[in-house]
All heavy atoms as atom14 arrays in JSON, in Angstrom:
{
  "sequence": "PKVESEAAEEAILALTALGFKEGQARGVV",
  "atom14_mask": [
    [1, 1, 1, 1, 1, 1, 1, 0, 0, 0, 0, 0, 0, 0],
    [1, 1, 1, 1, 1, 1, 1, 1, 1, 0, 0, 0, 0, 0],
    [1, 1, 1, 1, 1, 1, 1, 0, 0, 0, 0, 0, 0, 0],
    [1, 1, 1, 1, 1, 1, 1, 1, 1, 0, 0, 0, 0, 0],
    [1, 1, 1, 1, 1, 1, 0, 0, 0, 0, 0, 0, 0, 0],
    [1, 1, 1, 1, 1, 1, 1, 1, 1, 0, 0, 0, 0, 0],
    [1, 1, 1, 1, 1, 0, 0, 0, 0, 0, 0, 0, 0, 0],
    [1, 1, 1, 1, 1, 0, 0, 0, 0, 0, 0, 0, 0, 0],
    [1, 1, 1, 1, 1, 1, 1, 1, 1, 0, 0, 0, 0, 0],
    [1, 1, 1, 1, 1, 1, 1, 1, 1, 0, 0, 0, 0, 0],
    [1, 1, 1, 1, 1, 0, 0, 0, 0, 0, 0, 0, 0, 0],
    [1, 1, 1, 1, 1, 1, 1, 1, 0, 0, 0, 0, 0, 0],
    [1, 1, 1, 1, 1, 1, 1, 1, 0, 0, 0, 0, 0, 0],
    [1, 1, 1, 1, 1, 0, 0, 0, 0, 0, 0, 0, 0, 0],
    [1, 1, 1, 1, 1, 1, 1, 1, 0, 0, 0, 0, 0, 0],
    [1, 1, 1, 1, 1, 1, 1, 0, 0, 0, 0, 0, 0, 0],
    [1, 1, 1, 1, 1, 0, 0, 0, 0, 0, 0, 0, 0, 0],
    [1, 1, 1, 1, 1, 1, 1, 1, 0, 0, 0, 0, 0, 0],
    [1, 1, 1, 1, 0, 0, 0, 0, 0, 0, 0, 0, 0, 0],
    [1, 1, 1, 1, 1, 1, 1, 1, 1, 1, 1, 0, 0, 0],
    [1, 1, 1, 1, 1, 1, 1, 1, 1, 0, 0, 0, 0, 0],
    [1, 1, 1, 1, 1, 1, 1, 1, 1, 0, 0, 0, 0, 0],
    [1, 1, 1, 1, 0, 0, 0, 0, 0, 0, 0, 0, 0, 0],
    [1, 1, 1, 1, 1, 1, 1, 1, 1, 0, 0, 0, 0, 0],
    [1, 1, 1, 1, 1, 0, 0, 0, 0, 0, 0, 0, 0, 0],
    [1, 1, 1, 1, 1, 1, 1, 1, 1, 1, 1, 0, 0, 0],
    [1, 1, 1, 1, 0, 0, 0, 0, 0, 0, 0, 0, 0, 0],
    [1, 1, 1, 1, 1, 1, 1, 0, 0, 0, 0, 0, 0, 0],
    [1, 1, 1, 1, 1, 1, 1, 0, 0, 0, 0, 0, 0, 0]
  ],
  "atom14_positions": [
    [[0.82, -1.19, 0.0], [0.0, -0.01, 0.01], [0.86, 1.25, -0.01], [2.03, 1.23, 0.36], [-0.75, -0.12, 1.35], [0.15, -0.9, 2.22], [0.88, -1.85, 1.32], [0.0, 0.0, 0.0], [0.0, 0.0, 0.0], [0.0, 0.0, 0.0], [0.0, 0.0, 0.0], [0.0, 0.0, 0.0], [0.0, 0.0, 0.0], [0.0, 0.0, 0.0]],
    [[0.25, 2.34, -0.42], [0.95, 3.64, -0.36], [1.01, 4.06, 1.1], [-0.02, 4.07, 1.79], [0.18, 4.68, -1.17], [0.87, 6.01, -1.19], [0.12, 7.0, -2.05], [0.8, 8.35, -2.02], [0.08, 9.31, -2.78], [0.0, 0.0, 0.0], [0.0, 0.0, 0.0], [0.0, 0.0, 0.0], [0.0, 0.0, 0.0], [0.0, 0.0, 0.0]],
    [[2.19, 4.3, 1.59], [2.35, 4.6, 3.0], [2.84, 6.04, 3.15], [3.89, 6.41, 2.66], [3.38, 3.66, 3.65], [3.53, 3.95, 5.13], [3.0, 2.21, 3.42], [0.0, 0.0, 0.0], [0.0, 0.0, 0.0], [0.0, 0.0, 0.0], [0.0, 0.0, 0.0], [0.0, 0.0, 0.0], [0.0, 0.0, 0.0], [0.0, 0.0, 0.0]],
    [[2.03, 6.85, 3.8], [2.41, 8.24, 4.06], [1.93, 8.57, 5.47], [0.9, 8.07, 5.94], [1.73, 9.19, 3.08], [2.15, 9.04, 1.64], [3.49, 9.61, 1.32], [3.98, 10.49, 2.07], [4.08, 9.19, 0.33], [0.0, 0.0, 0.0], [0.0, 0.0, 0.0], [0.0, 0.0, 0.0], [0.0, 0.0, 0.0], [0.0, 0.0, 0.0]],
    [[2.65, 9.39, 6.18], [2.24, 9.86, 7.47], [2.97, 11.15, 7.78], [3.95, 11.51, 7.12], [2.56, 8.81, 8.55], [3.91, 8.77, 8.81], [0.0, 0.0, 0.0], [0.0, 0.0, 0.0], [0.0, 0.0, 0.0], [0.0, 0.0, 0.0], [0.0, 0.0, 0.0], [0.0, 0.0, 0.0], [0.0, 0.0, 0.0], [0.0, 0.0, 0.0]],
    [[2.5, 11.86, 8.81], [3.16, 13.1, 9.21], [4.55, 12.8, 9.7], [5.49, 13.56, 9.43], [2.35, 13.81, 10.28], [1.13, 14.54, 9.75], [0.43, 15.35, 10.84], [1.13, 15.9, 11.7], [-0.81, 15.41, 10.78], [0.0, 0.0, 0.0], [0.0, 0.0, 0.0], [0.0, 0.0, 0.0], [0.0, 0.0, 0.0], [0.0, 0.0, 0.0]],
    [[4.74, 11.69, 10.44], [6.04, 11.31, 10.93], [7.01, 11.05, 9.77], [8.19, 11.46, 9.82], [5.93, 10.06, 11.81], [0.0, 0.0, 0.0], [0.0, 0.0, 0.0], [0.0, 0.0, 0.0], [0.0, 0.0, 0.0], [0.0, 0.0, 0.0], [0.0, 0.0, 0.0], [0.0, 0.0, 0.0], [0.0, 0.0, 0.0], [0.0, 0.0, 0.0]],
    [[6.49, 10.39, 8.7], [7.35, 10.11, 7.56], [7.76, 11.41, 6.88], [8.96, 11.58, 6.51], [6.62, 9.23, 6.55], [0.0, 0.0, 0.0], [0.0, 0.0, 0.0], [0.0, 0.0, 0.0], [0.0, 0.0, 0.0], [0.0, 0.0, 0.0], [0.0, 0.0, 0.0], [0.0, 0.0, 0.0], [0.0, 0.0, 0.0], [0.0, 0.0, 0.0]],
    [[6.84, 12.31, 6.67], [7.14, 13.58, 6.0], [8.15, 14.41, 6.84], [9.07, 14.98, 6.29], [5.86, 14.42, 5.76], [5.02, 13.87, 4.65], [5.74, 13.73, 3.29], [6.54, 14.63, 2.94], [5.56, 12.73, 2.62], [0.0, 0.0, 0.0], [0.0, 0.0, 0.0], [0.0, 0.0, 0.0], [0.0, 0.0, 0.0], [0.0, 0.0, 0.0]],
    [[7.96, 14.39, 8.15], [8.9, 15.09, 9.04], [10.3, 14.47, 8.95], [11.3, 15.22, 8.89], [8.38, 15.03, 10.48], [9.14, 15.88, 11.43], [8.56, 15.82, 12.85], [7.36, 15.66, 13.02], [9.37, 15.94, 13.81], [0.0, 0.0, 0.0], [0.0, 0.0, 0.0], [0.0, 0.0, 0.0], [0.0, 0.0, 0.0], [0.0, 0.0, 0.0]],
    [[10.4, 13.19, 8.92], [11.63, 12.48, 8.83], [12.32, 12.77, 7.49], [13.54, 13.03, 7.43], [11.46, 10.99, 9.02], [0.0, 0.0, 0.0], [0.0, 0.0, 0.0], [0.0, 0.0, 0.0], [0.0, 0.0, 0.0], [0.0, 0.0, 0.0], [0.0, 0.0, 0.0], [0.0, 0.0, 0.0], [0.0, 0.0, 0.0], [0.0, 0.0, 0.0]],
    [[11.55, 12.77, 6.42], [12.11, 13.04, 5.08], [12.65, 14.46, 5.02], [13.73, 14.69, 4.5], [11.05, 12.79, 4.0], [10.74, 11.28, 3.92], [11.49, 13.32, 2.64], [9.44, 10.94, 3.19], [0.0, 0.0, 0.0], [0.0, 0.0, 0.0], [0.0, 0.0, 0.0], [0.0, 0.0, 0.0], [0.0, 0.0, 0.0], [0.0, 0.0, 0.0]],
    [[11.89, 15.42, 5.56], [12.35, 16.83, 5.6], [13.66, 16.96, 6.39], [14.57, 17.65, 5.97], [11.28, 17.71, 6.2], [10.1, 18.05, 5.28], [9.03, 18.8, 6.05], [10.55, 18.86, 4.07], [0.0, 0.0, 0.0], [0.0, 0.0, 0.0], [0.0, 0.0, 0.0], [0.0, 0.0, 0.0], [0.0, 0.0, 0.0], [0.0, 0.0, 0.0]],
    [[13.73, 16.29, 7.51], [14.94, 16.35, 8.35], [16.14, 15.74, 7.61], [17.23, 16.3, 7.65], [14.71, 15.59, 9.66], [0.0, 0.0, 0.0], [0.0, 0.0, 0.0], [0.0, 0.0, 0.0], [0.0, 0.0, 0.0], [0.0, 0.0, 0.0], [0.0, 0.0, 0.0], [0.0, 0.0, 0.0], [0.0, 0.0, 0.0], [0.0, 0.0, 0.0]],
    [[15.94, 14.61, 6.94], [17.04, 13.99, 6.23], [17.51, 14.83, 5.04], [18.72, 14.91, 4.73], [16.61, 12.58, 5.75], [16.42, 11.57, 6.89], [15.7, 10.32, 6.38], [17.76, 11.18, 7.51], [0.0, 0.0, 0.0], [0.0, 0.0, 0.0], [0.0, 0.0, 0.0], [0.0, 0.0, 0.0], [0.0, 0.0, 0.0], [0.0, 0.0, 0.0]],
    [[16.57, 15.45, 4.31], [16.96, 16.32, 3.21], [17.72, 17.56, 3.75], [18.65, 18.04, 3.12], [15.79, 16.75, 2.32], [14.78, 17.33, 3.13], [15.21, 15.56, 1.58], [0.0, 0.0, 0.0], [0.0, 0.0, 0.0], [0.0, 0.0, 0.0], [0.0, 0.0, 0.0], [0.0, 0.0, 0.0], [0.0, 0.0, 0.0], [0.0, 0.0, 0.0]],
    [[17.32, 18.04, 4.93], [18.04, 19.18, 5.53], [19.47, 18.79, 5.92], [20.36, 19.6, 5.96], [17.26, 19.64, 6.78], [0.0, 0.0, 0.0], [0.0, 0.0, 0.0], [0.0, 0.0, 0.0], [0.0, 0.0, 0.0], [0.0, 0.0, 0.0], [0.0, 0.0, 0.0], [0.0, 0.0, 0.0], [0.0, 0.0, 0.0], [0.0, 0.0, 0.0]],
    [[19.65, 17.5, 6.19], [21.0, 16.99, 6.5], [21.83, 16.73, 5.26], [22.99, 16.32, 5.36], [20.89, 15.72, 7.33], [20.38, 15.88, 8.76], [20.14, 14.52, 9.41], [21.38, 16.68, 9.58], [0.0, 0.0, 0.0], [0.0, 0.0, 0.0], [0.0, 0.0, 0.0], [0.0, 0.0, 0.0], [0.0, 0.0, 0.0], [0.0, 0.0, 0.0]],
    [[21.24, 16.96, 4.08], [22.02, 16.82, 2.83], [21.74, 15.59, 2.01], [22.37, 15.42, 0.95], [0.0, 0.0, 0.0], [0.0, 0.0, 0.0], [0.0, 0.0, 0.0], [0.0, 0.0, 0.0], [0.0, 0.0, 0.0], [0.0, 0.0, 0.0], [0.0, 0.0, 0.0], [0.0, 0.0, 0.0], [0.0, 0.0, 0.0], [0.0, 0.0, 0.0]],
    [[20.83, 14.71, 2.42], [20.5, 13.53, 1.62], [19.51, 13.95, 0.52], [18.73, 14.86, 0.7], [19.88, 12.43, 2.51], [20.84, 11.87, 3.52], [20.8, 12.31, 4.84], [21.81, 10.97, 3.13], [21.7, 11.79, 5.76], [22.71, 10.47, 4.04], [22.66, 10.9, 5.37], [0.0, 0.0, 0.0], [0.0, 0.0, 0.0], [0.0, 0.0, 0.0]],
    [[19.56, 13.25, -0.6], [18.61, 13.5, -1.7], [17.23, 13.08, -1.26], [17.08, 12.06, -0.57], [19.02, 12.76, -2.96], [20.3, 13.29, -3.54], [20.53, 12.67, -4.91], [21.82, 13.28, -5.44], [21.72, 13.7, -6.81], [0.0, 0.0, 0.0], [0.0, 0.0, 0.0], [0.0, 0.0, 0.0], [0.0, 0.0, 0.0], [0.0, 0.0, 0.0]],
    [[16.23, 13.83, -1.72], [14.85, 13.55, -1.3], [14.41, 12.12, -1.68], [13.8, 11.44, -0.87], [13.89, 14.56, -1.86], [12.46, 14.33, -1.36], [11.47, 15.31, -1.97], [11.83, 16.26, -2.6], [10.25, 15.05, -1.76], [0.0, 0.0, 0.0], [0.0, 0.0, 0.0], [0.0, 0.0, 0.0], [0.0, 0.0, 0.0], [0.0, 0.0, 0.0]],
    [[14.71, 11.72, -2.9], [14.27, 10.36, -3.33], [14.9, 9.29, -2.5], [14.23, 8.33, -2.11], [0.0, 0.0, 0.0], [0.0, 0.0, 0.0], [0.0, 0.0, 0.0], [0.0, 0.0, 0.0], [0.0, 0.0, 0.0], [0.0, 0.0, 0.0], [0.0, 0.0, 0.0], [0.0, 0.0, 0.0], [0.0, 0.0, 0.0], [0.0, 0.0, 0.0]],
    [[16.17, 9.42, -2.17], [16.88, 8.45, -1.34], [16.27, 8.44, 0.09], [15.99, 7.39, 0.61], [18.34, 8.86, -1.29], [19.25, 7.88, -0.62], [20.69, 8.36, -0.62], [20.96, 9.56, -0.67], [21.63, 7.43, -0.55], [0.0, 0.0, 0.0], [0.0, 0.0, 0.0], [0.0, 0.0, 0.0], [0.0, 0.0, 0.0], [0.0, 0.0, 0.0]],
    [[16.05, 9.63, 0.64], [15.49, 9.7, 2.01], [14.08, 9.12, 2.02], [13.72, 8.37, 2.92], [15.48, 11.18, 2.45], [0.0, 0.0, 0.0], [0.0, 0.0, 0.0], [0.0, 0.0, 0.0], [0.0, 0.0, 0.0], [0.0, 0.0, 0.0], [0.0, 0.0, 0.0], [0.0, 0.0, 0.0], [0.0, 0.0, 0.0], [0.0, 0.0, 0.0]],
    [[13.28, 9.49, 1.02], [11.91, 9.03, 0.95], [11.85, 7.5, 0.84], [11.06, 6.83, 1.49], [11.14, 9.66, -0.19], [9.66, 9.37, -0.25], [8.96, 10.17, -1.3], [8.97, 11.62, -1.06], [8.13, 12.23, -0.22], [7.21, 11.53, 0.41], [8.19, 13.51, -0.04], [0.0, 0.0, 0.0], [0.0, 0.0, 0.0], [0.0, 0.0, 0.0]],
    [[12.7, 6.95, 0.0], [12.75, 5.49, -0.18], [13.03, 4.75, 1.11], [12.39, 3.8, 1.47], [0.0, 0.0, 0.0], [0.0, 0.0, 0.0], [0.0, 0.0, 0.0], [0.0, 0.0, 0.0], [0.0, 0.0, 0.0], [0.0, 0.0, 0.0], [0.0, 0.0, 0.0], [0.0, 0.0, 0.0], [0.0, 0.0, 0.0], [0.0, 0.0, 0.0]],
    [[14.04, 5.23, 1.83], [14.45, 4.58, 3.1], [13.34, 4.76, 4.16], [12.95, 3.78, 4.83], [15.77, 5.12, 3.6], [16.1, 4.63, 5.0], [16.89, 4.72, 2.66], [0.0, 0.0, 0.0], [0.0, 0.0, 0.0], [0.0, 0.0, 0.0], [0.0, 0.0, 0.0], [0.0, 0.0, 0.0], [0.0, 0.0, 0.0], [0.0, 0.0, 0.0]],
    [[12.81, 5.97, 4.29], [11.78, 6.22, 5.31], [10.53, 5.42, 5.06], [9.95, 4.81, 5.98], [11.47, 7.75, 5.4], [10.24, 8.0, 6.27], [12.67, 8.48, 5.99], [0.0, 0.0, 0.0], [0.0, 0.0, 0.0], [0.0, 0.0, 0.0], [0.0, 0.0, 0.0], [0.0, 0.0, 0.0], [0.0, 0.0, 0.0], [0.0, 0.0, 0.0]]
  ]
}
């Protein structure tokens, strides 16, 4: 299923702020 949540979006934003590419961060999260 498509999995999305506020926690996931927050984690993805934090990881991209740390310099990781969004696609890579989103995939792992």
